[in-house]
Amino acid sequence: LSIELLGLVPMDDRVVVSTNNGIPLVLEKGSNAGEAFKRIAMRLNGDPDLPIQVPKGQKSIWRKFASKFSGKN
């Protein structure tokens, strides 16, 4: 499939919290995932030149899982 990439959403623990509280993630101040969703919405709204931000310094879910059991962080 040839689908244009609209953005990348980083892992954010606030996703579950905001969902459970019924508050949209984009309204959470300081939420990296919320900011990513805003940028994706801006691209969908006609700003295709908005650069895609690549999340930095995040562990993959598998690395987080492995570190839980190895005792390393």
PDB file of N, CA and C in Angstrom:
ATOM      1  N   LEU A   1       0.825  -1.179   0.000  1.00  0.00           N
ATOM      2  CA  LEU A   1       0.000   0.000   0.000  1.00  0.00           C
ATOM      3  C   LEU A   1       0.870   1.243   0.000  1.00  0.00           C
ATOM      4  N   SER A   2       0.433   2.212  -0.714  1.00  0.00           N
ATOM      5  CA  SER A   2       1.146   3.484  -0.751  1.00  0.00           C
ATOM      6  C   SER A   2       0.286   4.530  -0.050  1.00  0.00           C
ATOM      7  N   ILE A   3       0.545   4.695   1.233  1.00  0.00           N
ATOM      8  CA  ILE A   3      -0.236   5.623   2.045  1.00  0.00           C
ATOM      9  C   ILE A   3       0.701   6.682   2.603  1.00  0.00           C
ATOM     10  N   GLU A   4       0.309   7.940   2.487  1.00  0.00           N
ATOM     11  CA  GLU A   4       1.128   9.029   3.000  1.00  0.00           C
ATOM     12  C   GLU A   4       1.137   9.007   4.527  1.00  0.00           C
ATOM     13  N   LEU A   5       2.327   9.144   5.092  1.00  0.00           N
ATOM     14  CA  LEU A   5       2.473   9.203   6.539  1.00  0.00           C
ATOM     15  C   LEU A   5       2.018  10.573   7.031  1.00  0.00           C
ATOM     16  N   LEU A   6       1.100  10.585   7.978  1.00  0.00           N
ATOM     17  CA  LEU A   6       0.582  11.850   8.513  1.00  0.00           C
ATOM     18  C   LEU A   6       1.287  12.264   9.791  1.00  0.00           C
ATOM     19  N   GLY A   7       1.872  11.321  10.483  1.00  0.00           N
ATOM     20  CA  GLY A   7       2.567  11.643  11.724  1.00  0.00           C
ATOM     21  C   GLY A   7       2.864  10.407  12.533  1.00  0.00           C
ATOM     22  N   LEU A   8       3.639  10.608  13.585  1.00  0.00           N
ATOM     23  CA  LEU A   8       3.995   9.538  14.505  1.00  0.00           C
ATOM     24  C   LEU A   8       3.515   9.925  15.896  1.00  0.00           C
ATOM     25  N   VAL A   9       2.863   8.989  16.564  1.00  0.00           N
ATOM     26  CA  VAL A   9       2.352   9.247  17.910  1.00  0.00           C
ATOM     27  C   VAL A   9       3.206   8.451  18.897  1.00  0.00           C
ATOM     28  N   PRO A  10       3.903   9.156  19.803  1.00  0.00           N
ATOM     29  CA  PRO A  10       4.754   8.454  20.762  1.00  0.00           C
ATOM     30  C   PRO A  10       3.938   7.755  21.847  1.00  0.00           C
ATOM     31  N   MET A  11       4.573   6.793  22.494  1.00  0.00           N
ATOM     32  CA  MET A  11       3.949   6.136  23.642  1.00  0.00           C
ATOM     33  C   MET A  11       3.722   7.188  24.723  1.00  0.00           C
ATOM     34  N   ASP A  12       2.565   7.140  25.346  1.00  0.00           N
ATOM     35  CA  ASP A  12       2.245   8.120  26.381  1.00  0.00           C
ATOM     36  C   ASP A  12       1.274   7.468  27.360  1.00  0.00           C
ATOM     37  N   ASP A  13       1.686   7.351  28.612  1.00  0.00           N
ATOM     38  CA  ASP A  13       0.835   6.725  29.629  1.00  0.00           C
ATOM     39  C   ASP A  13      -0.460   7.495  29.854  1.00  0.00           C
ATOM     40  N   ARG A  14      -0.491   8.745  29.452  1.00  0.00           N
ATOM     41  CA  ARG A  14      -1.685   9.574  29.659  1.00  0.00           C
ATOM     42  C   ARG A  14      -2.845   9.170  28.749  1.00  0.00           C
ATOM     43  N   VAL A  15      -2.571   8.351  27.729  1.00  0.00           N
ATOM     44  CA  VAL A  15      -3.638   7.908  26.824  1.00  0.00           C
ATOM     45  C   VAL A  15      -4.696   7.152  27.619  1.00  0.00           C
ATOM     46  N   VAL A  16      -4.268   6.200  28.426  1.00  0.00           N
ATOM     47  CA  VAL A  16      -5.209   5.394  29.212  1.00  0.00           C
ATOM     48  C   VAL A  16      -5.936   6.264  30.232  1.00  0.00           C
ATOM     49  N   VAL A  17      -5.200   7.136  30.913  1.00  0.00           N
ATOM     50  CA  VAL A  17      -5.799   7.997  31.936  1.00  0.00           C
ATOM     51  C   VAL A  17      -6.848   8.917  31.324  1.00  0.00           C
ATOM     52  N   SER A  18      -6.507   9.554  30.211  1.00  0.00           N
ATOM     53  CA  SER A  18      -7.464  10.482  29.597  1.00  0.00           C
ATOM     54  C   SER A  18      -8.689   9.741  29.065  1.00  0.00           C
ATOM     55  N   THR A  19      -8.476   8.537  28.543  1.00  0.00           N
ATOM     56  CA  THR A  19      -9.601   7.737  28.058  1.00  0.00           C
ATOM     57  C   THR A  19     -10.514   7.347  29.217  1.00  0.00           C
ATOM     58  N   ASN A  20      -9.918   6.891  30.316  1.00  0.00           N
ATOM     59  CA  ASN A  20     -10.719   6.501  31.487  1.00  0.00           C
ATOM     60  C   ASN A  20     -11.481   7.683  32.078  1.00  0.00           C
ATOM     61  N   ASN A  21     -10.899   8.879  32.004  1.00  0.00           N
ATOM     62  CA  ASN A  21     -11.547  10.078  32.545  1.00  0.00           C
ATOM     63  C   ASN A  21     -12.489  10.744  31.553  1.00  0.00           C
ATOM     64  N   GLY A  22     -12.492  10.282  30.311  1.00  0.00           N
ATOM     65  CA  GLY A  22     -13.363  10.870  29.300  1.00  0.00           C
ATOM     66  C   GLY A  22     -12.903  12.236  28.828  1.00  0.00           C
ATOM     67  N   ILE A  23     -11.608  12.519  28.982  1.00  0.00           N
ATOM     68  CA  ILE A  23     -11.044  13.805  28.560  1.00  0.00           C
ATOM     69  C   ILE A  23     -10.184  13.572  27.320  1.00  0.00           C
ATOM     70  N   PRO A  24     -10.435  14.299  26.231  1.00  0.00           N
ATOM     71  CA  PRO A  24      -9.613  14.116  25.032  1.00  0.00           C
ATOM     72  C   PRO A  24      -8.131  14.369  25.327  1.00  0.00           C
ATOM     73  N   LEU A  25      -7.293  13.509  24.829  1.00  0.00           N
ATOM     74  CA  LEU A  25      -5.857  13.596  25.072  1.00  0.00           C
ATOM     75  C   LEU A  25      -5.269  14.913  24.597  1.00  0.00           C
ATOM     76  N   VAL A  26      -5.819  15.479  23.540  1.00  0.00           N
ATOM     77  CA  VAL A  26      -5.272  16.738  23.017  1.00  0.00           C
ATOM     78  C   VAL A  26      -5.478  17.899  23.989  1.00  0.00           C
ATOM     79  N   LEU A  27      -6.350  17.742  24.975  1.00  0.00           N
ATOM     80  CA  LEU A  27      -6.557  18.789  25.973  1.00  0.00           C
ATOM     81  C   LEU A  27      -5.608  18.662  27.162  1.00  0.00           C
ATOM     82  N   GLU A  28      -4.883  17.552  27.235  1.00  0.00           N
ATOM     83  CA  GLU A  28      -3.925  17.328  28.321  1.00  0.00           C
ATOM     84  C   GLU A  28      -2.656  18.126  28.048  1.00  0.00           C
ATOM     85  N   LYS A  29      -2.342  19.074  28.908  1.00  0.00           N
ATOM     86  CA  LYS A  29      -1.120  19.865  28.725  1.00  0.00           C
ATOM     87  C   LYS A  29       0.100  18.990  28.989  1.00  0.00           C
ATOM     88  N   GLY A  30       1.089  19.131  28.135  1.00  0.00           N
ATOM     89  CA  GLY A  30       2.328  18.384  28.313  1.00  0.00           C
ATOM     90  C   GLY A  30       2.290  16.969  27.779  1.00  0.00           C
ATOM     91  N   SER A  31       1.214  16.589  27.113  1.00  0.00           N
ATOM     92  CA  SER A  31       1.112  15.245  26.559  1.00  0.00           C
ATOM     93  C   SER A  31       1.758  15.207  25.178  1.00  0.00           C
ATOM     94  N   ASN A  32       2.820  14.420  25.056  1.00  0.00           N
ATOM     95  CA  ASN A  32       3.492  14.296  23.760  1.00  0.00           C
ATOM     96  C   ASN A  32       2.575  13.665  22.718  1.00  0.00           C
ATOM     97  N   ALA A  33       1.794  12.675  23.136  1.00  0.00           N
ATOM     98  CA  ALA A  33       0.869  12.038  22.201  1.00  0.00           C
ATOM     99  C   ALA A  33      -0.220  13.020  21.781  1.00  0.00           C
ATOM    100  N   GLY A  34      -0.714  13.820  22.719  1.00  0.00           N
ATOM    101  CA  GLY A  34      -1.721  14.828  22.395  1.00  0.00           C
ATOM    102  C   GLY A  34      -1.207  15.835  21.387  1.00  0.00           C
ATOM    103  N   GLU A  35       0.037  16.274  21.567  1.00  0.00           N
ATOM    104  CA  GLU A  35       0.652  17.207  20.615  1.00  0.00           C
ATOM    105  C   GLU A  35       0.800  16.555  19.242  1.00  0.00           C
ATOM    106  N   ALA A  36       1.149  15.276  19.220  1.00  0.00           N
ATOM    107  CA  ALA A  36       1.291  14.566  17.944  1.00  0.00           C
ATOM    108  C   ALA A  36      -0.057  14.490  17.225  1.00  0.00           C
ATOM    109  N   PHE A  37      -1.130  14.219  17.978  1.00  0.00           N
ATOM    110  CA  PHE A  37      -2.462  14.179  17.368  1.00  0.00           C
ATOM    111  C   PHE A  37      -2.854  15.548  16.814  1.00  0.00           C
ATOM    112  N   LYS A  38      -2.494  16.617  17.519  1.00  0.00           N
ATOM    113  CA  LYS A  38      -2.779  17.970  17.017  1.00  0.00           C
ATOM    114  C   LYS A  38      -2.059  18.214  15.694  1.00  0.00           C
ATOM    115  N   ARG A  39      -0.797  17.797  15.621  1.00  0.00           N
ATOM    116  CA  ARG A  39      -0.019  17.996  14.393  1.00  0.00           C
ATOM    117  C   ARG A  39      -0.615  17.188  13.233  1.00  0.00           C
ATOM    118  N   ILE A  40      -1.073  15.979  13.518  1.00  0.00           N
ATOM    119  CA  ILE A  40      -1.708  15.156  12.486  1.00  0.00           C
ATOM    120  C   ILE A  40      -2.985  15.840  12.003  1.00  0.00           C
ATOM    121  N   ALA A  41      -3.773  16.380  12.936  1.00  0.00           N
ATOM    122  CA  ALA A  41      -5.000  17.092  12.558  1.00  0.00           C
ATOM    123  C   ALA A  41      -4.677  18.299  11.683  1.00  0.00           C
ATOM    124  N   MET A  42      -3.597  19.010  12.013  1.00  0.00           N
ATOM    125  CA  MET A  42      -3.202  20.168  11.204  1.00  0.00           C
ATOM    126  C   MET A  42      -2.822  19.736   9.787  1.00  0.00           C
ATOM    127  N   ARG A  43      -2.135  18.601   9.670  1.00  0.00           N
ATOM    128  CA  ARG A  43      -1.773  18.099   8.337  1.00  0.00           C
ATOM    129  C   ARG A  43      -3.032  17.701   7.559  1.00  0.00           C
ATOM    130  N   LEU A  44      -3.979  17.068   8.235  1.00  0.00           N
ATOM    131  CA  LEU A  44      -5.233  16.689   7.579  1.00  0.00           C
ATOM    132  C   LEU A  44      -6.043  17.908   7.167  1.00  0.00           C
ATOM    133  N   ASN A  45      -5.844  19.008   7.883  1.00  0.00           N
ATOM    134  CA  ASN A  45      -6.585  20.234   7.618  1.00  0.00           C
ATOM    135  C   ASN A  45      -5.932  21.096   6.538  1.00  0.00           C
ATOM    136  N   GLY A  46      -4.892  20.575   5.907  1.00  0.00           N
ATOM    137  CA  GLY A  46      -4.331  21.295   4.769  1.00  0.00           C
ATOM    138  C   GLY A  46      -2.958  21.881   4.954  1.00  0.00           C
ATOM    139  N   ASP A  47      -2.217  21.483   5.962  1.00  0.00           N
ATOM    140  CA  ASP A  47      -0.857  21.976   6.152  1.00  0.00           C
ATOM    141  C   ASP A  47       0.128  20.833   5.895  1.00  0.00           C
ATOM    142  N   PRO A  48       0.245  20.398   4.624  1.00  0.00           N
ATOM    143  CA  PRO A  48       1.093  19.244   4.307  1.00  0.00           C
ATOM    144  C   PRO A  48       2.582  19.520   4.486  1.00  0.00           C
ATOM    145  N   ASP A  49       2.982  20.785   4.581  1.00  0.00           N
ATOM    146  CA  ASP A  49       4.396  21.112   4.739  1.00  0.00           C
ATOM    147  C   ASP A  49       4.849  21.085   6.195  1.00  0.00           C
ATOM    148  N   LEU A  50       3.928  20.841   7.109  1.00  0.00           N
ATOM    149  CA  LEU A  50       4.276  20.745   8.520  1.00  0.00           C
ATOM    150  C   LEU A  50       5.169  19.517   8.705  1.00  0.00           C
ATOM    151  N   PRO A  51       6.390  19.693   9.209  1.00  0.00           N
ATOM    152  CA  PRO A  51       7.293  18.542   9.329  1.00  0.00           C
ATOM    153  C   PRO A  51       6.791  17.524  10.353  1.00  0.00           C
ATOM    154  N   ILE A  52       7.058  16.270  10.076  1.00  0.00           N
ATOM    155  CA  ILE A  52       6.692  15.191  10.988  1.00  0.00           C
ATOM    156  C   ILE A  52       7.777  15.089  12.046  1.00  0.00           C
ATOM    157  N   GLN A  53       7.377  15.109  13.314  1.00  0.00           N
ATOM    158  CA  GLN A  53       8.339  14.996  14.404  1.00  0.00           C
ATOM    159  C   GLN A  53       8.513  13.534  14.781  1.00  0.00           C
ATOM    160  N   VAL A  54       9.766  13.128  14.900  1.00  0.00           N
ATOM    161  CA  VAL A  54      10.078  11.760  15.293  1.00  0.00           C
ATOM    162  C   VAL A  54      10.347  11.752  16.795  1.00  0.00           C
ATOM    163  N   PRO A  55       9.587  10.941  17.550  1.00  0.00           N
ATOM    164  CA  PRO A  55       9.816  10.874  18.997  1.00  0.00           C
ATOM    165  C   PRO A  55      11.230  10.401  19.298  1.00  0.00           C
ATOM    166  N   LYS A  56      11.872  11.025  20.284  1.00  0.00           N
ATOM    167  CA  LYS A  56      13.250  10.677  20.631  1.00  0.00           C
ATOM    168  C   LYS A  56      13.318  10.033  22.003  1.00  0.00           C
ATOM    169  N   GLY A  57      14.294   9.174  22.151  1.00  0.00           N
ATOM    170  CA  GLY A  57      14.628   8.628  23.457  1.00  0.00           C
ATOM    171  C   GLY A  57      13.578   7.760  24.111  1.00  0.00           C
ATOM    172  N   GLN A  58      12.734   7.129  23.326  1.00  0.00           N
ATOM    173  CA  GLN A  58      11.724   6.274  23.930  1.00  0.00           C
ATOM    174  C   GLN A  58      12.087   4.820  23.715  1.00  0.00           C
ATOM    175  N   LYS A  59      11.842   4.027  24.733  1.00  0.00           N
ATOM    176  CA  LYS A  59      12.074   2.596  24.612  1.00  0.00           C
ATOM    177  C   LYS A  59      10.888   1.976  23.886  1.00  0.00           C
ATOM    178  N   SER A  60      11.165   0.921  23.140  1.00  0.00           N
ATOM    179  CA  SER A  60      10.072   0.188  22.520  1.00  0.00           C
ATOM    180  C   SER A  60       9.307  -0.551  23.612  1.00  0.00           C
ATOM    181  N   ILE A  61       8.114  -0.971  23.304  1.00  0.00           N
ATOM    182  CA  ILE A  61       7.301  -1.671  24.297  1.00  0.00           C
ATOM    183  C   ILE A  61       7.982  -2.968  24.724  1.00  0.00           C
ATOM    184  N   TRP A  62       8.685  -3.622  23.793  1.00  0.00           N
ATOM    185  CA  TRP A  62       9.369  -4.875  24.131  1.00  0.00           C
ATOM    186  C   TRP A  62      10.549  -4.617  25.050  1.00  0.00           C
ATOM    187  N   ARG A  63      11.245  -3.509  24.824  1.00  0.00           N
ATOM    188  CA  ARG A  63      12.376  -3.170  25.685  1.00  0.00           C
ATOM    189  C   ARG A  63      11.883  -2.824  27.093  1.00  0.00           C
ATOM    190  N   LYS A  64      10.765  -2.119  27.175  1.00  0.00           N
ATOM    191  CA  LYS A  64      10.186  -1.805  28.485  1.00  0.00           C
ATOM    192  C   LYS A  64       9.788  -3.090  29.205  1.00  0.00           C
ATOM    193  N   PHE A  65       9.173  -3.999  28.462  1.00  0.00           N
ATOM    194  CA  PHE A  65       8.742  -5.280  29.022  1.00  0.00           C
ATOM    195  C   PHE A  65       9.944  -6.057  29.545  1.00  0.00           C
ATOM    196  N   ALA A  66      11.004  -6.135  28.745  1.00  0.00           N
ATOM    197  CA  ALA A  66      12.209  -6.866  29.142  1.00  0.00           C
ATOM    198  C   ALA A  66      12.863  -6.227  30.357  1.00  0.00           C
ATOM    199  N   SER A  67      12.872  -4.888  30.417  1.00  0.00           N
ATOM    200  CA  SER A  67      13.524  -4.214  31.544  1.00  0.00           C
ATOM    201  C   SER A  67      12.759  -4.437  32.849  1.00  0.00           C
ATOM    202  N   LYS A  68      11.452  -4.661  32.766  1.00  0.00           N
ATOM    203  CA  LYS A  68      10.659  -4.937  33.971  1.00  0.00           C
ATOM    204  C   LYS A  68      11.114  -6.238  34.629  1.00  0.00           C
ATOM    205  N   PHE A  69      11.443  -7.226  33.789  1.00  0.00           N
ATOM    206  CA  PHE A  69      11.802  -8.535  34.311  1.00  0.00           C
ATOM    207  C   PHE A  69      13.292  -8.702  34.562  1.00  0.00           C
ATOM    208  N   SER A  70      14.106  -7.850  33.973  1.00  0.00           N
ATOM    209  CA  SER A  70      15.550  -7.952  34.187  1.00  0.00           C
ATOM    210  C   SER A  70      16.006  -7.069  35.343  1.00  0.00           C
ATOM    211  N   GLY A  71      15.132  -6.163  35.786  1.00  0.00           N
ATOM    212  CA  GLY A  71      15.490  -5.259  36.869  1.00  0.00           C
ATOM    213  C   GLY A  71      16.255  -4.040  36.406  1.00  0.00           C
ATOM    214  N   LYS A  72      16.487  -3.911  35.087  1.00  0.00           N
ATOM    215  CA  LYS A  72      17.191  -2.755  34.531  1.00  0.00           C
ATOM    216  C   LYS A  72      16.174  -1.741  34.054  1.00  0.00           C
ATOM    217  N   ASN A  73      16.533  -0.447  34.137  1.00  0.00           N
ATOM    218  CA  ASN A  73      15.645   0.614  33.633  1.00  0.00           C
ATOM    219  C   ASN A  73      16.323   1.416  32.587  1.00  0.00           C
TER     220      ASN A  73
END
